[in-house]
């Protein structure tokens, strides 16, 4: 992949390019999981322009960032990625979308914003915890105990893989487990977000005119969509699409519906 870095170490890897001026910047969730988690999303998109996989400094496998504290400018450093290309369209999955909504300076630079299986505030977290209590996974409980004793990368990976039944429906479970098992993870990024972001997050801006795609899997058990019911988020510029028969990574189970939604979104961007 063609790879470039911003001055603060945001990594941008070109996945593919098609005719068109737009630059699609795909930001993973997690935190701690690399943008490799979005490769299948990138592959299913048929959008005009270039599709980039973006990693914050210190996240996933992006460890070669300048300075001693890669998290010092999280998440505002995302502005550097938007400034590095023309006509940027940021696409944030899960926590990645929350980071985008915590960076108001992006509004003046983006052509569009896509929010995938994300939330406008931290209320989703309590609902997630309640879900895990209603739908306990013994393998996850065992993996959590092992990780608490030894926070190795191997145990972290096993913990994430053990959560697969919450992330994917039965149709996508095998492919989902395989994807999660080969991802790069970063414990330091997880800890930073838990201590400084996850439990206090609230969106700091909302586009009033810029085209927005809000997309989520109908079977997503990770991030509740309940908070989006507030009238402030139902502005005319928003294209909302629920992806049927799909979970927290809806392009795994239903790539055709995700591709179609992005096609609609592309048409709005190019009007």
Protein backbone atom coordinates (compact mmCIF):
# COMPACT_ATOMS: atom_id res chain seq x y z
CA UNK A 1 0.00 0.00 0.00
CA UNK A 2 1.02 3.60 -0.63
CA UNK A 3 1.62 4.92 2.90
CA UNK A 4 2.07 8.43 4.24
CA UNK A 5 2.27 9.96 7.71
CA UNK A 6 1.16 13.34 9.00
CA UNK A 7 3.54 15.41 11.10
CA UNK A 8 2.14 13.94 14.34
CA UNK A 9 2.20 10.37 13.09
CA UNK A 10 -1.30 9.69 11.78
CA UNK A 11 -0.81 6.86 9.30
CA UNK A 12 -2.72 6.90 6.00
CA UNK A 13 -2.55 3.84 3.74
CA UNK A 14 -4.07 3.96 0.26
CA UNK A 15 -6.30 0.92 -0.22
CA UNK A 16 -7.47 1.64 -3.76
CA UNK A 17 -8.26 4.49 -6.12
CA UNK A 18 -11.03 4.94 -8.66
CA UNK A 19 -11.87 7.93 -10.86
CA UNK A 20 -13.09 10.86 -8.82
CA UNK A 21 -11.83 13.64 -6.57
CA UNK A 22 -13.05 12.42 -3.17
CA UNK A 23 -10.71 11.01 -0.53
CA UNK A 24 -12.38 8.54 1.83
CA UNK A 25 -10.61 8.30 5.20
CA UNK A 26 -11.59 5.11 7.04
CA UNK A 27 -10.98 5.30 10.81
CA UNK A 28 -11.31 2.13 12.92
CA UNK A 29 -13.13 1.68 16.20
CA UNK A 30 -11.82 -0.19 19.19
CA UNK A 31 -9.89 1.67 20.35
CA UNK A 32 -6.70 -0.32 20.05
CA UNK A 33 -7.68 -2.24 16.91
CA UNK A 34 -5.89 -1.32 13.69
CA UNK A 35 -7.47 -0.06 10.49
CA UNK A 36 -6.95 -3.58 9.13
CA UNK A 37 -10.41 -4.15 10.65
CA UNK A 38 -11.79 -1.95 7.85
CA UNK A 39 -10.08 -3.68 4.92
CA UNK A 40 -13.21 -5.68 4.09
CA UNK A 41 -15.23 -2.44 4.22
CA UNK A 42 -12.77 -0.74 1.89
CA UNK A 43 -12.90 -3.70 -0.48
CA UNK A 44 -16.70 -3.62 -0.74
CA UNK A 45 -16.93 0.11 -1.45
CA UNK A 46 -17.49 1.28 -5.02
CA UNK A 47 -17.11 4.99 -4.44
CA UNK A 48 -15.53 7.74 -6.54
CA UNK A 49 -12.00 8.68 -5.54
CA UNK A 50 -9.38 7.21 -3.21
CA UNK A 51 -10.03 5.02 -0.16
CA UNK A 52 -7.53 5.33 2.70
CA UNK A 53 -7.09 3.31 5.90
CA UNK A 54 -6.26 5.67 8.77
CA UNK A 55 -4.59 4.92 12.12
CA UNK A 56 -4.10 7.37 14.96
CA UNK A 57 -0.54 7.58 16.32
CA UNK A 58 -0.02 4.78 18.82
CA UNK A 59 -3.10 2.83 17.69
CA UNK A 60 -3.12 -0.66 16.22
CA UNK A 61 0.19 -1.34 14.52
CA UNK A 62 0.99 2.36 14.00
CA UNK A 63 3.79 2.56 16.54
CA UNK A 64 6.35 4.69 14.68
CA UNK A 65 4.94 8.06 15.73
CA UNK A 66 7.15 11.04 16.63
CA UNK A 67 7.37 12.22 20.24
CA UNK A 68 7.19 10.36 23.52
CA UNK A 69 3.40 10.45 24.02
CA UNK A 70 1.49 9.34 20.91
CA UNK A 71 -1.84 10.02 22.66
CA UNK A 72 -1.11 13.66 23.54
CA UNK A 73 -3.17 15.03 20.65
CA UNK A 74 -5.91 12.37 20.50
CA UNK A 75 -8.36 12.76 18.86
CA UNK A 76 -7.80 16.29 17.50
CA UNK A 77 -4.79 15.06 15.53
CA UNK A 78 -7.33 13.65 13.05
CA UNK A 79 -7.50 17.14 11.60
CA UNK A 80 -4.05 16.51 10.10
CA UNK A 81 -5.42 13.62 8.03
CA UNK A 82 -8.26 15.76 6.71
CA UNK A 83 -5.79 18.50 5.78
CA UNK A 84 -3.49 16.04 3.98
CA UNK A 85 -5.92 15.41 1.10
CA UNK A 86 -8.46 17.28 -1.00
CA UNK A 87 -12.20 16.73 -0.64
CA UNK A 88 -11.92 14.46 2.44
CA UNK A 89 -14.81 12.29 3.58
CA UNK A 90 -14.15 10.83 7.04
CA UNK A 91 -15.68 7.44 7.80
CA UNK A 92 -15.58 6.51 11.50
CA UNK A 93 -16.50 3.09 12.85
CA UNK A 94 -17.69 2.73 16.46
CA UNK A 95 -15.24 4.62 18.74
CA UNK A 96 -13.66 6.07 15.60
CA UNK A 97 -16.91 7.91 14.88
CA UNK A 98 -16.95 9.20 18.44
CA UNK A 99 -13.43 10.56 18.01
CA UNK A 100 -14.58 12.38 14.86
CA UNK A 101 -17.54 13.93 16.69
CA UNK A 102 -15.11 15.11 19.39
CA UNK A 103 -13.07 17.12 16.87
CA UNK A 104 -15.07 20.25 15.93
CA UNK A 105 -12.26 21.65 13.79
CA UNK A 106 -13.03 18.98 11.20
CA UNK A 107 -16.24 20.70 10.17
CA UNK A 108 -14.48 23.32 8.04
CA UNK A 109 -12.41 20.74 6.19
CA UNK A 110 -14.69 17.80 5.39
CA UNK A 111 -16.75 17.22 2.27
CA UNK A 112 -18.79 14.59 4.13
CA UNK A 113 -19.00 12.45 7.26
CA UNK A 114 -19.99 8.78 7.61
CA UNK A 115 -20.70 7.33 11.06
CA UNK A 116 -20.86 3.54 11.28
CA UNK A 117 -22.26 1.74 14.35
CA UNK A 118 -21.32 4.64 16.60
CA UNK A 119 -23.08 6.89 19.14
CA UNK A 120 -23.39 10.60 20.00
CA UNK A 121 -22.52 10.18 23.70
CA UNK A 122 -21.19 7.69 26.22
CA UNK A 123 -24.62 6.37 27.25
CA UNK A 124 -24.05 3.43 24.90
CA UNK A 125 -21.47 2.01 27.33
CA UNK A 126 -23.94 1.31 30.15
CA UNK A 127 -26.25 -0.38 27.65
CA UNK A 128 -23.34 -2.47 26.40
CA UNK A 129 -22.52 -3.63 29.95
CA UNK A 130 -26.18 -4.52 30.53
CA UNK A 131 -26.18 -6.50 27.28
CA UNK A 132 -23.15 -8.53 28.39
CA UNK A 133 -24.98 -9.41 31.60
CA UNK A 134 -28.08 -10.52 29.70
CA UNK A 135 -26.05 -12.47 27.15
CA UNK A 136 -23.04 -13.83 29.05
CA UNK A 137 -20.30 -15.62 27.11
CA UNK A 138 -18.39 -18.08 29.31
CA UNK A 139 -15.42 -18.01 26.93
CA UNK A 140 -15.24 -14.22 27.25
CA UNK A 141 -15.39 -14.41 31.06
CA UNK A 142 -12.51 -16.89 31.08
CA UNK A 143 -10.52 -14.80 28.61
CA UNK A 144 -11.07 -11.68 30.73
CA UNK A 145 -9.71 -13.45 33.80
CA UNK A 146 -6.62 -14.57 31.86
CA UNK A 147 -6.08 -11.04 30.52
CA UNK A 148 -6.41 -9.55 34.02
CA UNK A 149 -3.61 -11.83 35.21
CA UNK A 150 -1.39 -11.35 32.16
CA UNK A 151 -2.07 -8.41 29.83
CA UNK A 152 -0.12 -9.92 26.96
CA UNK A 153 -0.98 -9.29 23.31
CA UNK A 154 -1.84 -12.98 22.99
CA UNK A 155 -4.36 -12.76 25.83
CA UNK A 156 -5.78 -9.49 24.51
CA UNK A 157 -6.34 -11.07 21.10
CA UNK A 158 -8.00 -14.09 22.72
CA UNK A 159 -10.27 -11.75 24.70
CA UNK A 160 -11.42 -9.89 21.59
CA UNK A 161 -11.99 -13.12 19.65
CA UNK A 162 -14.04 -14.46 22.55
CA UNK A 163 -16.41 -11.48 22.13
CA UNK A 164 -17.26 -12.46 18.54
CA UNK A 165 -20.81 -13.59 19.32
CA UNK A 166 -21.61 -10.07 20.48
CA UNK A 167 -20.07 -8.51 17.38
CA UNK A 168 -21.48 -10.76 14.66
CA UNK A 169 -24.70 -12.63 14.01
CA UNK A 170 -24.55 -16.37 13.22
CA UNK A 171 -24.24 -15.65 9.51
CA UNK A 172 -21.01 -13.73 9.98
CA UNK A 173 -19.57 -15.45 13.03
CA UNK A 174 -16.93 -17.60 11.33
CA UNK A 175 -15.63 -14.77 9.14
CA UNK A 176 -15.82 -12.39 12.10
CA UNK A 177 -13.75 -14.63 14.35
CA UNK A 178 -11.16 -15.05 11.60
CA UNK A 179 -10.96 -11.27 11.12
CA UNK A 180 -10.62 -10.52 14.84
CA UNK A 181 -7.96 -13.19 15.30
CA UNK A 182 -5.58 -11.60 12.77
CA UNK A 183 -5.93 -7.95 13.81
CA UNK A 184 -3.17 -5.87 15.42
CA UNK A 185 -4.18 -4.67 18.90
CA UNK A 186 -2.68 -2.07 21.19
CA UNK A 187 -3.23 -2.23 24.95
CA UNK A 188 -1.93 1.30 25.56
CA UNK A 189 -4.54 2.79 23.23
CA UNK A 190 -7.30 0.85 24.96
CA UNK A 191 -6.17 2.09 28.37
CA UNK A 192 -5.84 5.72 27.21
CA UNK A 193 -9.38 5.76 25.85
CA UNK A 194 -10.81 4.06 28.93
CA UNK A 195 -9.16 6.59 31.24
CA UNK A 196 -9.65 9.77 29.22
CA UNK A 197 -12.51 9.37 26.73
CA UNK A 198 -14.94 6.44 26.79
CA UNK A 199 -16.86 7.36 29.95
CA UNK A 200 -17.10 11.13 29.45
CA UNK A 201 -17.60 11.35 25.67
CA UNK A 202 -20.25 13.62 24.23
CA UNK A 203 -20.38 14.86 20.63
CA UNK A 204 -18.85 18.33 20.34
CA UNK A 205 -20.33 19.18 16.94
CA UNK A 206 -22.99 18.09 14.48
CA UNK A 207 -23.04 18.99 10.77
CA UNK A 208 -26.01 21.13 9.76
CA UNK A 209 -25.43 21.16 6.00
CA UNK A 210 -22.61 18.73 5.22
CA UNK A 211 -23.88 15.35 3.95
CA UNK A 212 -23.84 12.72 6.71
CA UNK A 213 -24.30 8.97 6.41
CA UNK A 214 -25.36 7.24 9.62
CA UNK A 215 -25.20 3.49 9.11
CA UNK A 216 -25.56 0.60 11.56
CA UNK A 217 -26.19 -3.14 11.66
CA UNK A 218 -29.66 -4.20 12.76
CA UNK A 219 -28.09 -6.93 14.93
CA UNK A 220 -25.42 -4.71 16.53
CA UNK A 221 -25.21 -5.62 20.23
CA UNK A 222 -22.13 -3.47 20.96
CA UNK A 223 -23.16 0.16 20.40
CA UNK A 224 -26.79 1.10 21.06
CA UNK A 225 -28.36 3.49 18.58
CA UNK A 226 -30.89 4.78 21.11
CA UNK A 227 -29.24 8.16 21.72
CA UNK A 228 -29.60 9.12 18.06
CA UNK A 229 -33.36 9.55 18.60
CA UNK A 230 -32.74 13.08 19.90
CA UNK A 231 -34.23 15.57 17.40
CA UNK A 232 -30.91 17.42 17.08
CA UNK A 233 -29.50 14.55 15.02
CA UNK A 234 -32.41 14.23 12.59
CA UNK A 235 -31.29 17.09 10.36
CA UNK A 236 -32.16 17.03 6.63
CA UNK A 237 -28.53 16.44 5.63
CA UNK A 238 -28.50 12.98 7.27
CA UNK A 239 -28.93 9.74 5.33
CA UNK A 240 -29.78 7.04 7.89
CA UNK A 241 -29.48 3.40 6.85
CA UNK A 242 -30.02 0.32 9.00
CA UNK A 243 -28.27 -2.69 7.47
CA UNK A 244 -30.44 -5.81 7.85
CA UNK A 245 -29.03 -9.14 8.98
CA UNK A 246 -25.76 -7.56 10.12
CA UNK A 247 -23.95 -6.85 13.37
CA UNK A 248 -21.30 -4.43 14.62
CA UNK A 249 -19.21 -4.84 11.45
CA UNK A 250 -22.13 -4.85 8.99
CA UNK A 251 -19.96 -5.16 5.88
CA UNK A 252 -18.99 -8.66 7.02
CA UNK A 253 -22.53 -10.06 6.91
CA UNK A 254 -24.16 -7.78 4.34
CA UNK A 255 -21.59 -6.03 2.12
CA UNK A 256 -24.11 -5.48 -0.67
CA UNK A 257 -26.37 -3.33 1.52
CA UNK A 258 -23.38 -1.37 2.84
CA UNK A 259 -22.16 -0.80 -0.72
CA UNK A 260 -25.61 0.43 -1.74
CA UNK A 261 -25.80 2.87 1.19
CA UNK A 262 -22.40 4.33 0.33
CA UNK A 263 -23.53 4.63 -3.28
CA UNK A 264 -26.50 6.76 -2.16
CA UNK A 265 -24.19 8.80 0.04
CA UNK A 266 -21.77 9.37 -2.84
CA UNK A 267 -24.57 10.75 -4.97
CA UNK A 268 -25.40 13.28 -2.27
CA UNK A 269 -21.76 14.31 -1.95
CA UNK A 270 -21.47 14.97 -5.66
CA UNK A 271 -24.62 17.06 -6.10
